[in-house]
N, C-alpha and C. Protein backbone atom coordinates (compact mmCIF):
# COMPACT_ATOMS: atom_id res chain seq x y z
N MET A 1 41.94 122.83 125.04
CA MET A 1 43.04 123.76 124.76
C MET A 1 43.98 123.89 125.95
N MET A 2 43.40 123.92 127.16
CA MET A 2 44.23 124.05 128.36
C MET A 2 45.18 122.86 128.50
N VAL A 3 44.69 121.68 128.19
CA VAL A 3 45.51 120.47 128.30
C VAL A 3 46.68 120.53 127.32
N VAL A 4 46.38 120.98 126.09
CA VAL A 4 47.44 121.08 125.08
C VAL A 4 48.49 122.11 125.52
N ARG A 5 47.98 123.27 126.04
CA ARG A 5 48.90 124.34 126.43
C ARG A 5 49.80 123.89 127.57
N ARG A 6 49.24 123.21 128.56
CA ARG A 6 50.04 122.73 129.67
C ARG A 6 51.07 121.70 129.21
N GLY A 7 50.66 120.85 128.30
CA GLY A 7 51.60 119.85 127.78
C GLY A 7 52.75 120.49 127.03
N PHE A 8 52.39 121.54 126.28
CA PHE A 8 53.43 122.25 125.53
C PHE A 8 54.42 122.93 126.47
N LEU A 9 53.85 123.59 127.52
CA LEU A 9 54.72 124.27 128.48
C LEU A 9 55.60 123.29 129.23
N ALA A 10 55.05 122.17 129.58
CA ALA A 10 55.84 121.16 130.28
C ALA A 10 57.00 120.68 129.43
N GLY A 11 56.71 120.49 128.16
CA GLY A 11 57.78 120.05 127.25
C GLY A 11 58.84 121.11 127.07
N ALA A 12 58.38 122.37 126.97
CA ALA A 12 59.34 123.47 126.80
C ALA A 12 60.22 123.63 128.02
N LEU A 13 59.60 123.51 129.19
CA LEU A 13 60.38 123.66 130.42
C LEU A 13 61.37 122.52 130.59
N ALA A 14 61.08 121.39 130.03
CA ALA A 14 61.97 120.24 130.16
C ALA A 14 63.18 120.35 129.27
N LEU A 15 63.10 121.15 128.21
CA LEU A 15 64.20 121.23 127.24
C LEU A 15 65.51 121.71 127.87
N PRO A 16 65.51 122.76 128.66
CA PRO A 16 66.77 123.19 129.28
C PRO A 16 67.37 122.12 130.18
N LEU A 17 66.49 121.36 130.83
CA LEU A 17 66.99 120.32 131.71
C LEU A 17 67.67 119.23 130.92
N VAL A 18 67.11 118.92 129.75
CA VAL A 18 67.73 117.90 128.89
C VAL A 18 69.07 118.39 128.39
N ALA A 19 69.10 119.67 127.95
CA ALA A 19 70.36 120.23 127.45
C ALA A 19 71.40 120.27 128.54
N HIS A 20 70.97 120.64 129.76
CA HIS A 20 71.90 120.73 130.87
C HIS A 20 72.47 119.36 131.24
N ALA A 21 71.68 118.34 130.93
CA ALA A 21 72.11 116.99 131.30
C ALA A 21 73.19 116.45 130.37
N GLN A 22 73.42 117.14 129.24
CA GLN A 22 74.44 116.68 128.30
C GLN A 22 75.82 116.73 128.97
N PRO A 23 76.67 115.75 128.71
CA PRO A 23 78.00 115.72 129.34
C PRO A 23 78.83 116.94 128.94
N GLN A 24 79.48 117.54 129.91
CA GLN A 24 80.32 118.71 129.66
C GLN A 24 81.69 118.28 129.11
N GLU A 25 82.23 119.08 128.19
CA GLU A 25 83.53 118.80 127.61
C GLU A 25 84.61 119.05 128.65
N SER A 26 85.45 118.08 128.88
CA SER A 26 86.51 118.21 129.87
C SER A 26 87.63 119.11 129.35
N TRP A 27 88.52 119.53 130.27
CA TRP A 27 89.66 120.35 129.86
C TRP A 27 90.51 119.62 128.83
N GLU A 28 90.74 118.33 129.06
CA GLU A 28 91.58 117.56 128.13
C GLU A 28 90.90 117.41 126.78
N GLU A 29 89.60 117.25 126.78
CA GLU A 29 88.87 117.14 125.51
C GLU A 29 88.95 118.45 124.74
N LYS A 30 88.83 119.57 125.44
CA LYS A 30 88.96 120.87 124.79
C LYS A 30 90.37 121.04 124.22
N ARG A 31 91.35 120.59 125.00
CA ARG A 31 92.74 120.71 124.55
C ARG A 31 92.98 119.87 123.30
N GLN A 32 92.48 118.65 123.29
CA GLN A 32 92.67 117.78 122.15
C GLN A 32 91.97 118.33 120.91
N ARG A 33 90.79 118.92 121.10
CA ARG A 33 90.08 119.53 119.97
C ARG A 33 90.86 120.70 119.42
N GLN A 34 91.40 121.52 120.34
CA GLN A 34 92.19 122.66 119.89
C GLN A 34 93.44 122.22 119.14
N LEU A 35 94.12 121.17 119.64
CA LEU A 35 95.31 120.66 118.97
C LEU A 35 94.98 120.14 117.57
N LYS A 36 93.82 119.57 117.43
CA LYS A 36 93.41 119.05 116.12
C LYS A 36 93.06 120.17 115.16
N ASP A 37 92.37 121.19 115.66
CA ASP A 37 91.90 122.28 114.80
C ASP A 37 92.98 123.32 114.49
N ASP A 38 93.86 123.57 115.46
CA ASP A 38 94.88 124.63 115.30
C ASP A 38 96.07 124.24 116.18
N TRP A 39 96.88 123.31 115.71
CA TRP A 39 97.92 122.69 116.54
C TRP A 39 98.85 123.70 117.20
N PRO A 40 99.37 124.69 116.48
CA PRO A 40 100.23 125.68 117.17
C PRO A 40 99.43 126.77 117.89
N TRP A 41 98.11 126.77 117.72
CA TRP A 41 97.20 127.77 118.28
C TRP A 41 97.53 129.16 117.76
N LEU A 42 97.57 129.29 116.44
CA LEU A 42 97.80 130.59 115.82
C LEU A 42 96.63 131.53 116.05
N GLY A 43 95.47 130.96 116.35
CA GLY A 43 94.31 131.80 116.58
C GLY A 43 94.25 132.43 117.96
N ARG A 44 95.10 131.97 118.88
CA ARG A 44 95.03 132.44 120.27
C ARG A 44 95.20 133.95 120.39
N TYR A 45 96.17 134.51 119.68
CA TYR A 45 96.44 135.95 119.78
C TYR A 45 96.20 136.68 118.46
N ALA A 46 95.52 136.04 117.54
CA ALA A 46 95.34 136.63 116.22
C ALA A 46 94.66 138.00 116.28
N GLU A 47 93.59 138.11 117.08
CA GLU A 47 92.86 139.37 117.16
C GLU A 47 93.67 140.43 117.90
N GLU A 48 94.35 140.05 118.97
CA GLU A 48 95.20 141.02 119.68
C GLU A 48 96.31 141.52 118.76
N ASN A 49 96.91 140.63 117.99
CA ASN A 49 97.96 141.04 117.06
C ASN A 49 97.40 142.01 116.02
N ARG A 50 96.21 141.70 115.50
CA ARG A 50 95.60 142.57 114.49
C ARG A 50 95.35 143.95 115.06
N GLN A 51 94.85 144.01 116.30
CA GLN A 51 94.58 145.30 116.93
C GLN A 51 95.86 146.10 117.17
N LEU A 52 96.92 145.43 117.58
CA LEU A 52 98.20 146.13 117.80
C LEU A 52 98.72 146.73 116.49
N ARG A 53 98.64 145.94 115.43
CA ARG A 53 99.12 146.45 114.14
C ARG A 53 98.25 147.59 113.63
N ALA A 54 96.94 147.44 113.78
CA ALA A 54 96.02 148.46 113.29
C ALA A 54 96.20 149.78 114.04
N ALA A 55 96.49 149.68 115.32
CA ALA A 55 96.68 150.88 116.13
C ALA A 55 98.04 151.53 115.93
N GLY A 56 98.92 150.82 115.26
CA GLY A 56 100.27 151.34 115.08
C GLY A 56 101.06 151.37 116.37
N THR A 57 100.64 150.55 117.34
CA THR A 57 101.30 150.51 118.64
C THR A 57 102.71 149.92 118.52
N LYS A 58 103.68 150.61 119.08
CA LYS A 58 105.05 150.14 119.02
C LYS A 58 105.28 148.99 119.99
N THR A 59 105.86 147.92 119.47
CA THR A 59 106.21 146.78 120.31
C THR A 59 107.72 146.75 120.48
N ASN A 60 108.17 146.85 121.72
CA ASN A 60 109.60 146.81 122.00
C ASN A 60 110.11 145.39 122.20
N ILE A 61 109.33 144.58 122.92
CA ILE A 61 109.75 143.22 123.23
C ILE A 61 108.54 142.31 123.35
N VAL A 62 108.67 141.12 122.79
CA VAL A 62 107.64 140.09 122.91
C VAL A 62 108.16 138.99 123.83
N PHE A 63 107.35 138.57 124.77
CA PHE A 63 107.67 137.45 125.64
C PHE A 63 106.98 136.21 125.10
N MET A 64 107.74 135.34 124.46
CA MET A 64 107.22 134.11 123.87
C MET A 64 107.41 132.96 124.86
N GLY A 65 106.35 132.18 125.09
CA GLY A 65 106.52 131.08 126.03
C GLY A 65 105.27 130.26 126.24
N ASP A 66 105.25 129.58 127.38
CA ASP A 66 104.14 128.67 127.71
C ASP A 66 103.32 129.25 128.86
N SER A 67 102.80 128.39 129.74
CA SER A 67 101.94 128.87 130.81
C SER A 67 102.66 129.78 131.80
N ILE A 68 103.96 129.59 131.95
CA ILE A 68 104.70 130.44 132.88
C ILE A 68 104.75 131.88 132.37
N THR A 69 104.91 132.04 131.07
CA THR A 69 104.85 133.37 130.47
C THR A 69 103.43 133.91 130.45
N GLU A 70 102.47 133.04 130.15
CA GLU A 70 101.07 133.46 130.15
C GLU A 70 100.65 133.90 131.55
N GLY A 71 101.07 133.15 132.55
CA GLY A 71 100.74 133.50 133.93
C GLY A 71 101.39 134.79 134.38
N TRP A 72 102.57 135.07 133.84
CA TRP A 72 103.27 136.32 134.17
C TRP A 72 102.39 137.51 133.78
N ARG A 73 101.86 137.46 132.58
CA ARG A 73 100.99 138.54 132.12
C ARG A 73 99.70 138.60 132.92
N GLY A 74 99.17 137.43 133.26
CA GLY A 74 97.92 137.38 133.99
C GLY A 74 98.04 137.83 135.44
N GLN A 75 99.13 137.44 136.11
CA GLN A 75 99.30 137.76 137.52
C GLN A 75 100.01 139.08 137.78
N ARG A 76 100.82 139.50 136.86
CA ARG A 76 101.57 140.74 137.03
C ARG A 76 101.41 141.62 135.79
N PRO A 77 100.17 142.06 135.51
CA PRO A 77 99.92 142.84 134.29
C PRO A 77 100.71 144.15 134.24
N ALA A 78 101.02 144.73 135.40
CA ALA A 78 101.76 146.00 135.41
C ALA A 78 103.16 145.84 134.81
N PHE A 79 103.71 144.63 134.89
CA PHE A 79 105.02 144.39 134.29
C PHE A 79 104.96 144.58 132.78
N PHE A 80 103.80 144.22 132.20
CA PHE A 80 103.65 144.31 130.74
C PHE A 80 103.11 145.69 130.36
N ARG A 81 103.93 146.68 130.64
CA ARG A 81 103.60 148.06 130.30
C ARG A 81 103.58 148.20 128.78
N PRO A 82 103.07 149.31 128.25
CA PRO A 82 103.06 149.49 126.80
C PRO A 82 104.43 149.23 126.18
N GLY A 83 104.44 148.45 125.14
CA GLY A 83 105.68 148.08 124.46
C GLY A 83 106.16 146.69 124.81
N ARG A 84 105.65 146.14 125.94
CA ARG A 84 105.98 144.77 126.33
C ARG A 84 104.76 143.88 126.07
N VAL A 85 104.93 142.90 125.22
CA VAL A 85 103.81 142.08 124.79
C VAL A 85 103.99 140.63 125.25
N GLY A 86 103.00 140.08 125.91
CA GLY A 86 103.05 138.70 126.37
C GLY A 86 102.39 137.77 125.38
N ARG A 87 103.10 136.72 124.99
CA ARG A 87 102.56 135.75 124.04
C ARG A 87 102.82 134.32 124.54
N GLY A 88 102.42 134.07 125.79
CA GLY A 88 102.55 132.74 126.35
C GLY A 88 101.26 131.96 126.17
N ILE A 89 101.37 130.65 125.97
CA ILE A 89 100.20 129.79 125.84
C ILE A 89 100.43 128.55 126.70
N SER A 90 99.49 128.31 127.59
CA SER A 90 99.59 127.19 128.52
C SER A 90 99.76 125.86 127.80
N GLY A 91 100.72 125.07 128.30
CA GLY A 91 100.93 123.72 127.78
C GLY A 91 101.77 123.61 126.54
N GLN A 92 102.21 124.74 125.98
CA GLN A 92 102.89 124.67 124.69
C GLN A 92 104.32 124.14 124.76
N THR A 93 104.71 123.51 123.66
CA THR A 93 106.05 122.97 123.49
C THR A 93 106.81 123.80 122.47
N THR A 94 108.12 123.58 122.38
CA THR A 94 108.93 124.39 121.45
C THR A 94 108.53 124.22 119.98
N PRO A 95 108.13 123.02 119.50
CA PRO A 95 107.73 122.95 118.10
C PRO A 95 106.50 123.79 117.79
N GLN A 96 105.59 123.91 118.75
CA GLN A 96 104.43 124.78 118.55
C GLN A 96 104.86 126.24 118.49
N MET A 97 105.81 126.61 119.33
CA MET A 97 106.27 128.00 119.36
C MET A 97 107.02 128.37 118.08
N VAL A 98 107.74 127.43 117.51
CA VAL A 98 108.41 127.70 116.23
C VAL A 98 107.38 128.16 115.20
N LEU A 99 106.24 127.48 115.17
CA LEU A 99 105.20 127.81 114.20
C LEU A 99 104.48 129.11 114.53
N ARG A 100 104.62 129.59 115.76
CA ARG A 100 104.00 130.86 116.14
C ARG A 100 104.92 132.07 115.96
N MET A 101 106.17 131.83 115.67
CA MET A 101 107.14 132.92 115.64
C MET A 101 106.77 134.03 114.66
N MET A 102 106.34 133.67 113.46
CA MET A 102 106.03 134.69 112.47
C MET A 102 104.82 135.54 112.88
N ALA A 103 103.75 134.88 113.32
CA ALA A 103 102.53 135.61 113.65
C ALA A 103 102.63 136.37 114.97
N ASP A 104 103.19 135.73 115.99
CA ASP A 104 103.16 136.30 117.34
C ASP A 104 104.40 137.10 117.71
N VAL A 105 105.44 137.03 116.89
CA VAL A 105 106.66 137.80 117.17
C VAL A 105 107.03 138.68 115.98
N VAL A 106 107.44 138.08 114.89
CA VAL A 106 107.93 138.85 113.75
C VAL A 106 106.89 139.84 113.24
N GLY A 107 105.64 139.41 113.19
CA GLY A 107 104.59 140.28 112.67
C GLY A 107 104.38 141.54 113.48
N LEU A 108 104.83 141.54 114.73
CA LEU A 108 104.69 142.72 115.60
C LEU A 108 105.90 143.65 115.53
N LYS A 109 106.94 143.22 114.82
CA LYS A 109 108.16 144.02 114.59
C LYS A 109 108.79 144.54 115.87
N PRO A 110 109.05 143.66 116.83
CA PRO A 110 109.70 144.11 118.06
C PRO A 110 111.20 144.28 117.88
N ARG A 111 111.84 144.91 118.83
CA ARG A 111 113.30 145.00 118.84
C ARG A 111 113.90 143.75 119.49
N TYR A 112 113.17 143.17 120.43
CA TYR A 112 113.67 142.02 121.19
C TYR A 112 112.57 140.97 121.32
N VAL A 113 113.00 139.72 121.51
CA VAL A 113 112.09 138.65 121.89
C VAL A 113 112.71 137.87 123.05
N HIS A 114 111.91 137.61 124.06
CA HIS A 114 112.33 136.84 125.23
C HIS A 114 111.69 135.46 125.08
N ILE A 115 112.51 134.44 124.92
CA ILE A 115 112.00 133.08 124.71
C ILE A 115 112.26 132.24 125.96
N MET A 116 111.18 131.81 126.58
CA MET A 116 111.29 130.93 127.74
C MET A 116 110.40 129.71 127.47
N ALA A 117 111.03 128.56 127.26
CA ALA A 117 110.29 127.39 126.81
C ALA A 117 110.98 126.10 127.24
N ALA A 118 110.34 124.99 126.91
CA ALA A 118 110.86 123.62 127.07
C ALA A 118 110.39 122.89 128.32
N THR A 119 109.72 123.57 129.24
CA THR A 119 109.13 122.84 130.35
C THR A 119 108.22 121.73 129.83
N ASN A 120 107.41 122.06 128.85
CA ASN A 120 106.46 121.09 128.32
C ASN A 120 107.08 120.11 127.33
N ASP A 121 108.27 120.43 126.82
CA ASP A 121 109.03 119.43 126.06
C ASP A 121 109.42 118.30 127.00
N VAL A 122 109.96 118.68 128.17
CA VAL A 122 110.36 117.68 129.16
C VAL A 122 109.15 116.85 129.58
N ALA A 123 108.00 117.50 129.70
CA ALA A 123 106.78 116.80 130.10
C ALA A 123 106.20 115.94 128.97
N GLY A 124 106.63 116.18 127.74
CA GLY A 124 106.10 115.41 126.61
C GLY A 124 104.66 115.78 126.28
N ASN A 125 104.31 117.04 126.42
CA ASN A 125 102.92 117.45 126.22
C ASN A 125 102.38 117.20 124.83
N THR A 126 103.25 117.28 123.82
CA THR A 126 102.79 117.01 122.45
C THR A 126 103.50 115.79 121.87
N GLY A 127 103.91 114.91 122.73
CA GLY A 127 104.58 113.69 122.29
C GLY A 127 106.06 113.67 122.66
N LYS A 128 106.69 112.54 122.42
CA LYS A 128 108.10 112.40 122.77
C LYS A 128 108.95 113.36 121.95
N ILE A 129 109.94 113.94 122.62
CA ILE A 129 110.86 114.85 121.95
C ILE A 129 112.22 114.71 122.62
N THR A 130 113.26 114.64 121.82
CA THR A 130 114.60 114.47 122.36
C THR A 130 115.21 115.81 122.72
N LEU A 131 116.28 115.76 123.50
CA LEU A 131 117.00 116.98 123.84
C LEU A 131 117.50 117.67 122.57
N ALA A 132 118.01 116.89 121.64
CA ALA A 132 118.51 117.46 120.38
C ALA A 132 117.40 118.17 119.62
N GLN A 133 116.22 117.59 119.60
CA GLN A 133 115.10 118.21 118.89
C GLN A 133 114.67 119.51 119.55
N THR A 134 114.66 119.52 120.88
CA THR A 134 114.34 120.75 121.60
C THR A 134 115.37 121.84 121.26
N CYS A 135 116.63 121.47 121.25
CA CYS A 135 117.69 122.44 120.93
C CYS A 135 117.54 122.95 119.50
N HIS A 136 117.18 122.07 118.56
CA HIS A 136 116.96 122.50 117.18
C HIS A 136 115.84 123.54 117.12
N ASN A 137 114.81 123.36 117.93
CA ASN A 137 113.69 124.31 117.92
C ASN A 137 114.12 125.67 118.45
N PHE A 138 114.98 125.67 119.46
CA PHE A 138 115.52 126.95 119.93
C PHE A 138 116.36 127.60 118.83
N ARG A 139 117.12 126.79 118.12
CA ARG A 139 117.91 127.32 117.00
C ARG A 139 117.00 127.96 115.95
N MET A 140 115.90 127.28 115.63
CA MET A 140 114.98 127.80 114.62
C MET A 140 114.34 129.11 115.06
N MET A 141 113.89 129.15 116.31
CA MET A 141 113.28 130.40 116.79
C MET A 141 114.29 131.55 116.78
N THR A 142 115.52 131.25 117.16
CA THR A 142 116.58 132.27 117.15
C THR A 142 116.87 132.73 115.73
N ALA A 143 116.96 131.79 114.81
CA ALA A 143 117.25 132.12 113.42
C ALA A 143 116.14 132.98 112.80
N ILE A 144 114.89 132.63 113.08
CA ILE A 144 113.77 133.41 112.56
C ILE A 144 113.83 134.83 113.08
N ALA A 145 114.06 134.97 114.37
CA ALA A 145 114.13 136.31 114.96
C ALA A 145 115.29 137.11 114.39
N GLN A 146 116.46 136.53 114.38
CA GLN A 146 117.63 137.26 113.92
C GLN A 146 117.56 137.62 112.44
N ALA A 147 116.91 136.77 111.65
CA ALA A 147 116.73 137.08 110.23
C ALA A 147 115.85 138.31 110.04
N ASN A 148 115.08 138.62 111.07
CA ASN A 148 114.21 139.79 111.02
C ASN A 148 114.70 140.91 111.95
N ARG A 149 116.00 140.87 112.27
CA ARG A 149 116.67 141.90 113.06
C ARG A 149 116.06 142.08 114.44
N ILE A 150 115.70 140.97 115.04
CA ILE A 150 115.15 140.96 116.39
C ILE A 150 116.18 140.32 117.30
N HIS A 151 116.60 141.04 118.34
CA HIS A 151 117.58 140.48 119.27
C HIS A 151 116.90 139.46 120.17
N VAL A 152 117.58 138.34 120.39
CA VAL A 152 117.00 137.22 121.13
C VAL A 152 117.52 137.16 122.57
N LEU A 153 116.59 137.05 123.51
CA LEU A 153 116.91 136.76 124.91
C LEU A 153 116.50 135.31 125.15
N LEU A 154 117.46 134.47 125.46
CA LEU A 154 117.16 133.07 125.77
C LEU A 154 117.12 132.91 127.28
N ALA A 155 115.95 132.59 127.78
CA ALA A 155 115.76 132.47 129.23
C ALA A 155 115.90 131.03 129.68
N SER A 156 116.37 130.86 130.89
CA SER A 156 116.51 129.52 131.44
C SER A 156 115.14 128.88 131.63
N VAL A 157 115.10 127.56 131.46
CA VAL A 157 113.89 126.81 131.80
C VAL A 157 113.75 126.87 133.32
N PRO A 158 112.62 127.33 133.84
CA PRO A 158 112.49 127.45 135.29
C PRO A 158 112.64 126.12 136.01
N PRO A 159 113.12 126.14 137.24
CA PRO A 159 113.32 124.90 137.99
C PRO A 159 111.99 124.20 138.32
N ALA A 160 112.07 122.89 138.44
CA ALA A 160 110.92 122.08 138.86
C ALA A 160 111.42 120.68 139.18
N ASP A 161 111.08 120.18 140.35
CA ASP A 161 111.49 118.82 140.71
C ASP A 161 110.39 117.79 140.46
N HIS A 162 109.25 118.27 139.93
CA HIS A 162 108.17 117.36 139.53
C HIS A 162 107.17 118.15 138.71
N PHE A 163 106.37 117.44 137.92
CA PHE A 163 105.26 118.04 137.20
C PHE A 163 103.98 117.40 137.71
N PRO A 164 103.05 118.17 138.24
CA PRO A 164 101.81 117.60 138.77
C PRO A 164 101.02 116.82 137.74
N TRP A 165 101.13 117.20 136.46
CA TRP A 165 100.36 116.52 135.41
C TRP A 165 101.13 115.35 134.77
N ARG A 166 102.37 115.10 135.23
CA ARG A 166 103.17 113.97 134.75
C ARG A 166 103.90 113.36 135.94
N GLN A 167 103.13 112.76 136.82
CA GLN A 167 103.69 112.22 138.06
C GLN A 167 104.76 111.17 137.78
N GLY A 168 105.85 111.23 138.57
CA GLY A 168 106.91 110.25 138.46
C GLY A 168 107.96 110.52 137.39
N LEU A 169 107.80 111.60 136.65
CA LEU A 169 108.73 111.92 135.56
C LEU A 169 109.97 112.61 136.12
N GLU A 170 111.15 112.23 135.62
CA GLU A 170 112.40 112.92 135.97
C GLU A 170 112.39 114.28 135.31
N THR A 171 112.60 115.32 136.08
CA THR A 171 112.53 116.68 135.55
C THR A 171 113.83 117.47 135.71
N VAL A 172 114.49 117.31 136.84
CA VAL A 172 115.64 118.17 137.14
C VAL A 172 116.79 117.96 136.15
N LYS A 173 117.14 116.70 135.88
CA LYS A 173 118.27 116.44 134.99
C LYS A 173 118.03 116.98 133.58
N PRO A 174 116.89 116.70 132.95
CA PRO A 174 116.69 117.25 131.61
C PRO A 174 116.61 118.78 131.58
N ILE A 175 116.03 119.38 132.61
CA ILE A 175 115.97 120.84 132.65
C ILE A 175 117.38 121.42 132.78
N ARG A 176 118.20 120.83 133.63
CA ARG A 176 119.59 121.29 133.77
C ARG A 176 120.34 121.14 132.43
N ALA A 177 120.09 120.04 131.74
CA ALA A 177 120.78 119.79 130.47
C ALA A 177 120.39 120.83 129.42
N ILE A 178 119.11 121.14 129.34
CA ILE A 178 118.66 122.15 128.38
C ILE A 178 119.25 123.50 128.72
N ASN A 179 119.27 123.84 129.99
CA ASN A 179 119.81 125.15 130.40
C ASN A 179 121.30 125.26 130.13
N ALA A 180 122.02 124.17 130.33
CA ALA A 180 123.47 124.19 130.04
C ALA A 180 123.68 124.44 128.55
N TRP A 181 122.88 123.79 127.73
CA TRP A 181 123.00 123.99 126.29
C TRP A 181 122.62 125.42 125.91
N LEU A 182 121.51 125.92 126.45
CA LEU A 182 121.06 127.28 126.13
C LEU A 182 122.10 128.33 126.49
N LYS A 183 122.73 128.17 127.64
CA LYS A 183 123.74 129.14 128.07
C LYS A 183 124.90 129.19 127.08
N ASP A 184 125.37 128.02 126.66
CA ASP A 184 126.47 127.97 125.69
C ASP A 184 126.03 128.47 124.32
N TYR A 185 124.83 128.08 123.91
CA TYR A 185 124.33 128.47 122.60
C TYR A 185 124.14 129.98 122.50
N ALA A 186 123.68 130.60 123.57
CA ALA A 186 123.48 132.05 123.56
C ALA A 186 124.78 132.77 123.20
N LYS A 187 125.90 132.28 123.73
CA LYS A 187 127.19 132.90 123.45
C LYS A 187 127.55 132.81 121.98
N THR A 188 127.37 131.64 121.39
CA THR A 188 127.76 131.44 119.99
C THR A 188 126.78 132.06 119.01
N ALA A 189 125.51 132.20 119.43
CA ALA A 189 124.48 132.71 118.53
C ALA A 189 124.30 134.22 118.59
N GLY A 190 125.02 134.88 119.50
CA GLY A 190 124.86 136.32 119.62
C GLY A 190 123.57 136.70 120.33
N ALA A 191 123.04 135.77 121.13
CA ALA A 191 121.83 136.03 121.92
C ALA A 191 122.23 136.40 123.34
N THR A 192 121.28 136.83 124.13
CA THR A 192 121.53 137.19 125.52
C THR A 192 120.94 136.12 126.43
N TRP A 193 121.75 135.62 127.35
CA TRP A 193 121.33 134.59 128.30
C TRP A 193 120.70 135.25 129.52
N ILE A 194 119.47 134.87 129.83
CA ILE A 194 118.76 135.39 131.00
C ILE A 194 118.51 134.23 131.95
N ASP A 195 119.18 134.22 133.09
CA ASP A 195 119.13 133.08 133.99
C ASP A 195 118.31 133.39 135.25
N TYR A 196 117.15 132.73 135.36
CA TYR A 196 116.28 132.92 136.51
C TYR A 196 116.55 131.94 137.65
N TRP A 197 117.43 130.97 137.41
CA TRP A 197 117.67 129.95 138.44
C TRP A 197 118.20 130.52 139.76
N PRO A 198 119.13 131.47 139.75
CA PRO A 198 119.65 131.97 141.02
C PRO A 198 118.57 132.52 141.96
N VAL A 199 117.48 133.05 141.40
CA VAL A 199 116.44 133.62 142.27
C VAL A 199 115.28 132.66 142.52
N LEU A 200 115.21 131.58 141.72
CA LEU A 200 114.06 130.67 141.84
C LEU A 200 114.40 129.30 142.42
N ALA A 201 115.59 128.78 142.11
CA ALA A 201 115.89 127.38 142.40
C ALA A 201 116.59 127.16 143.74
N ASP A 202 116.27 126.02 144.36
CA ASP A 202 117.05 125.60 145.53
C ASP A 202 118.20 124.71 145.05
N GLU A 203 118.98 124.20 145.99
CA GLU A 203 120.18 123.44 145.60
C GLU A 203 119.86 122.12 144.91
N LYS A 204 118.63 121.65 145.05
CA LYS A 204 118.24 120.37 144.43
C LYS A 204 117.57 120.55 143.06
N GLY A 205 117.36 121.77 142.65
CA GLY A 205 116.74 122.01 141.36
C GLY A 205 115.24 122.16 141.42
N ALA A 206 114.72 122.34 142.62
CA ALA A 206 113.29 122.58 142.79
C ALA A 206 113.04 124.07 142.97
N MET A 207 111.80 124.49 142.85
CA MET A 207 111.44 125.86 143.17
C MET A 207 111.61 126.08 144.67
N LYS A 208 112.14 127.23 145.04
CA LYS A 208 112.26 127.57 146.46
C LYS A 208 110.86 127.67 147.08
N PRO A 209 110.74 127.38 148.36
CA PRO A 209 109.44 127.45 149.03
C PRO A 209 108.76 128.81 148.86
N GLY A 210 107.49 128.77 148.52
CA GLY A 210 106.71 129.98 148.38
C GLY A 210 106.79 130.64 147.03
N LEU A 211 107.60 130.10 146.11
CA LEU A 211 107.78 130.74 144.80
C LEU A 211 106.99 130.09 143.69
N ALA A 212 106.31 128.97 143.98
CA ALA A 212 105.49 128.31 142.97
C ALA A 212 104.23 127.76 143.62
N THR A 213 103.16 127.79 142.89
CA THR A 213 101.89 127.29 143.41
C THR A 213 101.83 125.77 143.43
N ASP A 214 102.53 125.14 142.51
CA ASP A 214 102.46 123.68 142.36
C ASP A 214 103.82 123.06 142.09
N GLY A 215 104.88 123.81 142.39
CA GLY A 215 106.22 123.33 142.10
C GLY A 215 106.72 123.73 140.74
N VAL A 216 105.83 124.30 139.91
CA VAL A 216 106.18 124.66 138.53
C VAL A 216 105.84 126.13 138.23
N HIS A 217 104.61 126.51 138.49
CA HIS A 217 104.12 127.83 138.10
C HIS A 217 104.35 128.86 139.21
N PRO A 218 105.02 129.96 138.88
CA PRO A 218 105.38 130.93 139.91
C PRO A 218 104.19 131.59 140.61
N THR A 219 104.40 131.88 141.86
CA THR A 219 103.48 132.71 142.62
C THR A 219 103.76 134.17 142.27
N ASP A 220 103.00 135.09 142.86
CA ASP A 220 103.28 136.50 142.64
C ASP A 220 104.72 136.84 143.05
N GLU A 221 105.15 136.28 144.17
CA GLU A 221 106.52 136.54 144.63
C GLU A 221 107.53 135.95 143.65
N GLY A 222 107.21 134.78 143.08
CA GLY A 222 108.10 134.18 142.10
C GLY A 222 108.29 135.08 140.90
N TYR A 223 107.19 135.63 140.39
CA TYR A 223 107.29 136.55 139.25
C TYR A 223 108.03 137.83 139.64
N ASP A 224 107.82 138.29 140.84
CA ASP A 224 108.53 139.50 141.28
C ASP A 224 110.04 139.26 141.32
N ARG A 225 110.44 138.07 141.74
CA ARG A 225 111.87 137.75 141.75
C ARG A 225 112.41 137.63 140.33
N MET A 226 111.62 137.07 139.42
CA MET A 226 112.04 137.01 138.03
C MET A 226 112.23 138.41 137.46
N ALA A 227 111.35 139.32 137.86
CA ALA A 227 111.45 140.70 137.38
C ALA A 227 112.74 141.36 137.82
N THR A 228 113.25 140.99 138.99
CA THR A 228 114.51 141.59 139.44
C THR A 228 115.68 141.20 138.53
N VAL A 229 115.54 140.07 137.84
CA VAL A 229 116.59 139.62 136.92
C VAL A 229 116.50 140.34 135.58
N ILE A 230 115.29 140.46 135.04
CA ILE A 230 115.13 140.99 133.69
C ILE A 230 114.97 142.51 133.64
N GLU A 231 114.43 143.12 134.70
CA GLU A 231 114.17 144.56 134.67
C GLU A 231 115.41 145.41 134.41
N PRO A 232 116.56 145.13 135.04
CA PRO A 232 117.74 145.96 134.74
C PRO A 232 118.09 145.97 133.26
N PHE A 233 117.96 144.82 132.62
CA PHE A 233 118.23 144.74 131.18
C PHE A 233 117.22 145.58 130.40
N LEU A 234 115.94 145.46 130.77
CA LEU A 234 114.90 146.19 130.05
C LEU A 234 115.02 147.70 130.26
N ARG A 235 115.27 148.12 131.49
CA ARG A 235 115.39 149.54 131.78
C ARG A 235 116.57 150.17 131.05
N ALA A 236 117.67 149.44 131.00
CA ALA A 236 118.88 149.98 130.34
C ALA A 236 118.64 150.24 128.86
N ARG A 237 117.67 149.52 128.29
CA ARG A 237 117.38 149.65 126.85
C ARG A 237 116.04 150.33 126.60
N LYS A 238 115.47 150.87 127.66
CA LYS A 238 114.21 151.60 127.58
C LYS A 238 113.12 150.74 126.96
N LEU A 239 113.04 149.51 127.43
CA LEU A 239 112.02 148.58 126.93
C LEU A 239 110.85 148.49 127.90
């Protein structure tokens, strides 16, 4: 009996080691699985949205965007006081955000939406996309919001002279082109243009020293400078 018991225990103790030896899923593998299962990632904020609606919490403005918006909420949570809702998702492109507009913006019934996007369009995160297609997606997001009486704030694509995850890619020219289009479109569409370039960009179109951790994503100081641009608008409207 002792021999059997020891053999059993040895086998049981070995099981965790075998399980631990299994290859871990990489970040990219997780990302690809998520894209396959829920391409726009509607599930990312589904529970938070449900809780906000159930609580009857008033939403004044939703910040729709990618990792830069997500990081803003993560690094500067005090900025997102009650009524300000962050709905950024790392790596997202404008076509994914179009599909999130109803669930993550309209469904919360805000007065305003702040849209900051297209960094990942330039990077080609979900495949090749033309400037015209990116602009069409901004048009769609604006149209969806305005059809639901939500005022649109179109924010500039933040400066970046390179993307660490897409080495060798031209970034400054396409970002400048998108921003030029957004500025003009905001005027014709009845949206508000919010330009962060004066406080973030150097003369070459890169992030100023100390304002980004990797040339793309803002540091705490970077977000604080962005707040100096948007806060006067928000305070004037009690947002």
